[in-house]
């Protein structure tokens, strides 16, 4: 029995546990990792600058998400600035971000990381002939980090169609937009633009700490 458990554990990558406090953002980066995206801004009620970072393992590991090739783990974490100086770790999220081989023909899908109106925005872009993008919106509320919104678009250059779903998880409402992907040469739209209000309904908000990308169905065939 013990041997069987050890074999199972051997397949699971153990993410490093980040320290709770540090003088600079660099103090939170474990050995063997590098920063690939970072943003500074205000994320709580004070006026002290906070930070969000995405770091990536320098080396690939086996059996992370795929079994046929090595992948490089990523960690998203948020630091809140302290009035006495330095930062403390607000949240560490090990599986919420796409990996560098998740973008299809476009390669690394991680497009942007930003802070706006106390919200952390994480954006991805990828695909091949058919393209897609995702934006996730995380906010600190009720003493934890929750997914309050998400936007997903599919772009079909063959039919010149772009469809976008914009979700507000705090209200349980959403909006669907359909429009031409590219401007027509003759100025006439081959696709009739439309906007629809949707009501997926309110559900328990997803937490950043335990969020796993791509497995939550939020509306019909839309997964985030």
Protein backbone atom coordinates (compact mmCIF):
# COMPACT_ATOMS: atom_id res chain seq x y z
CA UNK A 1 0.00 0.00 0.00
CA UNK A 2 2.79 2.43 0.90
CA UNK A 3 4.58 1.65 -2.37
CA UNK A 4 1.38 2.34 -4.33
CA UNK A 5 0.93 5.72 -2.63
CA UNK A 6 4.52 6.67 -3.34
CA UNK A 7 4.04 5.83 -7.02
CA UNK A 8 0.91 8.01 -7.18
CA UNK A 9 2.67 10.88 -5.43
CA UNK A 10 5.56 10.56 -7.83
CA UNK A 11 3.29 11.61 -10.69
CA UNK A 12 2.19 14.84 -8.98
CA UNK A 13 4.36 17.93 -9.25
CA UNK A 14 4.88 19.63 -5.91
CA UNK A 15 4.66 23.38 -6.33
CA UNK A 16 6.92 25.48 -4.10
CA UNK A 17 5.22 27.25 -1.19
CA UNK A 18 5.94 30.96 -1.43
CA UNK A 19 6.96 32.89 1.71
CA UNK A 20 4.37 35.01 3.51
CA UNK A 21 6.51 38.16 3.81
CA UNK A 22 9.29 39.82 1.84
CA UNK A 23 10.97 43.19 1.41
CA UNK A 24 10.74 43.08 -2.38
CA UNK A 25 8.85 41.05 -4.96
CA UNK A 26 12.06 39.18 -5.75
CA UNK A 27 12.02 37.71 -2.23
CA UNK A 28 8.97 35.63 -3.19
CA UNK A 29 10.45 34.01 -6.29
CA UNK A 30 11.63 30.46 -5.53
CA UNK A 31 14.86 29.04 -6.85
CA UNK A 32 14.47 27.67 -10.36
CA UNK A 33 11.71 30.12 -11.34
CA UNK A 34 11.70 33.33 -13.38
CA UNK A 35 9.25 36.23 -13.76
CA UNK A 36 7.38 36.26 -17.08
CA UNK A 37 4.72 38.91 -16.34
CA UNK A 38 4.17 41.45 -13.58
CA UNK A 39 1.97 44.46 -12.87
CA UNK A 40 1.85 47.12 -10.15
CA UNK A 41 -1.20 48.98 -8.87
CA UNK A 42 -3.74 49.27 -6.09
CA UNK A 43 -5.75 46.18 -5.13
CA UNK A 44 -7.13 46.99 -1.68
CA UNK A 45 -8.50 50.00 0.18
CA UNK A 46 -5.18 51.64 1.10
CA UNK A 47 -2.96 53.79 -1.11
CA UNK A 48 0.08 51.50 -0.94
CA UNK A 49 1.21 49.94 -4.21
CA UNK A 50 0.49 46.22 -4.64
CA UNK A 51 1.80 43.72 -7.18
CA UNK A 52 0.76 40.68 -9.17
CA UNK A 53 3.27 38.35 -10.80
CA UNK A 54 3.30 35.24 -12.95
CA UNK A 55 6.42 33.13 -12.64
CA UNK A 56 7.51 30.07 -14.60
CA UNK A 57 9.81 27.16 -13.85
CA UNK A 58 13.06 27.41 -15.79
CA UNK A 59 13.03 23.65 -16.33
CA UNK A 60 10.24 21.50 -17.69
CA UNK A 61 8.73 18.69 -15.62
CA UNK A 62 7.05 15.42 -16.54
CA UNK A 63 3.34 14.65 -16.27
CA UNK A 64 2.21 18.16 -15.39
CA UNK A 65 -0.82 18.34 -17.69
CA UNK A 66 0.42 16.24 -20.61
CA UNK A 67 2.15 12.86 -20.52
CA UNK A 68 3.96 12.97 -23.87
CA UNK A 69 6.22 15.97 -23.19
CA UNK A 70 7.64 18.09 -20.40
CA UNK A 71 5.95 21.34 -19.42
CA UNK A 72 6.99 24.33 -17.35
CA UNK A 73 4.81 25.00 -14.28
CA UNK A 74 3.53 28.52 -13.70
CA UNK A 75 2.42 30.29 -10.54
CA UNK A 76 0.33 33.45 -10.28
CA UNK A 77 0.61 35.27 -6.98
CA UNK A 78 -0.54 38.59 -5.54
CA UNK A 79 1.40 40.74 -3.09
CA UNK A 80 -0.15 43.47 -0.94
CA UNK A 81 2.09 46.36 0.03
CA UNK A 82 2.50 47.06 3.76
CA UNK A 83 2.65 50.48 5.44
CA UNK A 84 5.86 49.49 7.23
CA UNK A 85 7.38 48.55 3.88
CA UNK A 86 7.65 45.32 1.95
CA UNK A 87 4.86 42.95 0.94
CA UNK A 88 2.86 40.05 2.24
CA UNK A 89 1.51 37.22 0.13
CA UNK A 90 -2.23 37.57 -0.41
CA UNK A 91 -2.77 34.50 -2.60
CA UNK A 92 -0.79 31.86 -4.49
CA UNK A 93 -2.50 30.19 -7.46
CA UNK A 94 -0.74 27.19 -8.99
CA UNK A 95 -3.08 26.07 -11.76
CA UNK A 96 -5.06 29.11 -12.89
CA UNK A 97 -2.74 30.16 -15.72
CA UNK A 98 -2.24 28.68 -19.18
CA UNK A 99 1.16 27.14 -19.86
CA UNK A 100 3.54 28.25 -22.60
CA UNK A 101 2.47 25.43 -24.95
CA UNK A 102 -1.29 25.96 -24.55
CA UNK A 103 -1.59 28.56 -27.30
CA UNK A 104 -1.57 26.34 -30.37
CA UNK A 105 0.25 27.68 -33.42
CA UNK A 106 0.72 31.06 -31.74
CA UNK A 107 2.89 29.59 -29.00
CA UNK A 108 2.72 31.06 -25.51
CA UNK A 109 -0.88 32.30 -25.04
CA UNK A 110 -0.16 34.66 -22.13
CA UNK A 111 -0.92 38.06 -23.66
CA UNK A 112 -1.24 40.53 -20.79
CA UNK A 113 -1.35 40.97 -17.02
CA UNK A 114 -2.71 44.23 -15.63
CA UNK A 115 -4.36 45.94 -12.67
CA UNK A 116 -7.34 48.22 -13.22
CA UNK A 117 -9.93 49.48 -10.72
CA UNK A 118 -8.59 47.07 -8.05
CA UNK A 119 -9.09 44.15 -10.42
CA UNK A 120 -6.38 41.79 -11.70
CA UNK A 121 -6.86 41.10 -15.42
CA UNK A 122 -5.17 38.08 -17.02
CA UNK A 123 -5.49 37.77 -20.82
CA UNK A 124 -4.67 34.97 -23.26
CA UNK A 125 -4.66 34.68 -27.04
CA UNK A 126 -4.09 31.65 -29.25
CA UNK A 127 -5.31 29.25 -31.90
CA UNK A 128 -4.30 28.69 -35.52
CA UNK A 129 -6.69 29.31 -38.42
CA UNK A 130 -9.43 29.75 -35.86
CA UNK A 131 -8.38 32.05 -33.04
CA UNK A 132 -9.55 32.57 -29.48
CA UNK A 133 -8.94 34.78 -26.49
CA UNK A 134 -9.79 34.80 -22.80
CA UNK A 135 -9.65 37.49 -20.14
CA UNK A 136 -10.10 36.68 -16.45
CA UNK A 137 -10.96 39.31 -13.83
CA UNK A 138 -9.99 38.64 -10.21
CA UNK A 139 -10.93 40.86 -7.25
CA UNK A 140 -10.34 40.82 -3.52
CA UNK A 141 -13.70 40.72 -1.75
CA UNK A 142 -14.88 39.11 1.48
CA UNK A 143 -11.22 38.47 2.40
CA UNK A 144 -10.49 36.25 -0.59
CA UNK A 145 -9.77 36.46 -4.31
CA UNK A 146 -12.71 35.63 -6.57
CA UNK A 147 -13.37 35.48 -10.30
CA UNK A 148 -15.85 38.32 -10.83
CA UNK A 149 -15.81 38.38 -14.62
CA UNK A 150 -14.54 36.68 -17.77
CA UNK A 151 -14.57 37.39 -21.49
CA UNK A 152 -14.16 34.78 -24.21
CA UNK A 153 -14.00 35.33 -27.98
CA UNK A 154 -13.85 32.96 -30.95
CA UNK A 155 -12.58 34.35 -34.26
CA UNK A 156 -13.28 32.62 -37.57
CA UNK A 157 -11.42 34.35 -40.43
CA UNK A 158 -12.87 31.98 -43.04
CA UNK A 159 -16.46 33.07 -42.37
CA UNK A 160 -15.25 36.46 -41.07
CA UNK A 161 -17.09 36.04 -37.77
CA UNK A 162 -16.11 37.00 -34.24
CA UNK A 163 -18.28 35.90 -31.32
CA UNK A 164 -17.70 37.27 -27.83
CA UNK A 165 -19.19 36.26 -24.48
CA UNK A 166 -18.76 38.70 -21.60
CA UNK A 167 -19.70 37.37 -18.15
CA UNK A 168 -20.32 39.25 -14.89
CA UNK A 169 -20.31 36.60 -12.18
CA UNK A 170 -21.28 39.01 -9.41
CA UNK A 171 -24.59 39.73 -11.12
CA UNK A 172 -25.08 36.44 -12.96
CA UNK A 173 -25.59 38.31 -16.24
CA UNK A 174 -23.73 38.16 -19.55
CA UNK A 175 -23.65 39.65 -23.03
CA UNK A 176 -23.17 37.95 -26.38
CA UNK A 177 -21.80 39.88 -29.35
CA UNK A 178 -21.51 38.72 -32.96
CA UNK A 179 -19.75 40.87 -35.55
CA UNK A 180 -17.42 40.72 -38.56
CA UNK A 181 -13.91 39.68 -37.58
CA UNK A 182 -12.26 41.85 -40.25
CA UNK A 183 -13.50 44.89 -42.13
CA UNK A 184 -14.95 43.98 -45.51
CA UNK A 185 -13.12 45.29 -48.59
CA UNK A 186 -16.31 46.68 -50.09
CA UNK A 187 -17.48 48.14 -46.81
CA UNK A 188 -20.51 45.84 -46.68
CA UNK A 189 -20.86 43.45 -43.78
CA UNK A 190 -21.25 39.79 -44.74
CA UNK A 191 -22.15 39.10 -41.11
CA UNK A 192 -25.01 40.93 -39.43
CA UNK A 193 -23.78 42.37 -36.14
CA UNK A 194 -25.89 41.57 -33.10
CA UNK A 195 -25.82 41.94 -29.33
CA UNK A 196 -27.83 39.77 -26.95
CA UNK A 197 -28.30 39.91 -23.20
CA UNK A 198 -27.89 36.53 -21.49
CA UNK A 199 -28.89 35.33 -18.05
CA UNK A 200 -26.68 32.39 -17.03
CA UNK A 201 -27.68 32.98 -13.40
CA UNK A 202 -25.65 33.53 -10.25
CA UNK A 203 -23.46 30.73 -8.95
CA UNK A 204 -20.89 30.51 -6.15
CA UNK A 205 -17.87 32.55 -7.18
CA UNK A 206 -14.71 30.66 -8.08
CA UNK A 207 -11.64 31.23 -5.91
CA UNK A 208 -8.28 32.11 -7.42
CA UNK A 209 -6.37 29.87 -5.02
CA UNK A 210 -8.05 26.68 -6.21
CA UNK A 211 -9.00 27.68 -9.77
CA UNK A 212 -7.96 25.31 -12.58
CA UNK A 213 -8.04 26.67 -16.09
CA UNK A 214 -10.39 25.20 -18.67
CA UNK A 215 -12.55 22.82 -16.63
CA UNK A 216 -15.45 24.98 -15.40
CA UNK A 217 -18.51 25.08 -17.64
CA UNK A 218 -20.18 28.43 -17.17
CA UNK A 219 -22.66 28.62 -20.06
CA UNK A 220 -23.69 26.00 -22.62
CA UNK A 221 -20.41 24.89 -24.27
CA UNK A 222 -18.30 27.71 -22.77
CA UNK A 223 -15.56 26.52 -20.42
CA UNK A 224 -13.11 28.73 -18.58
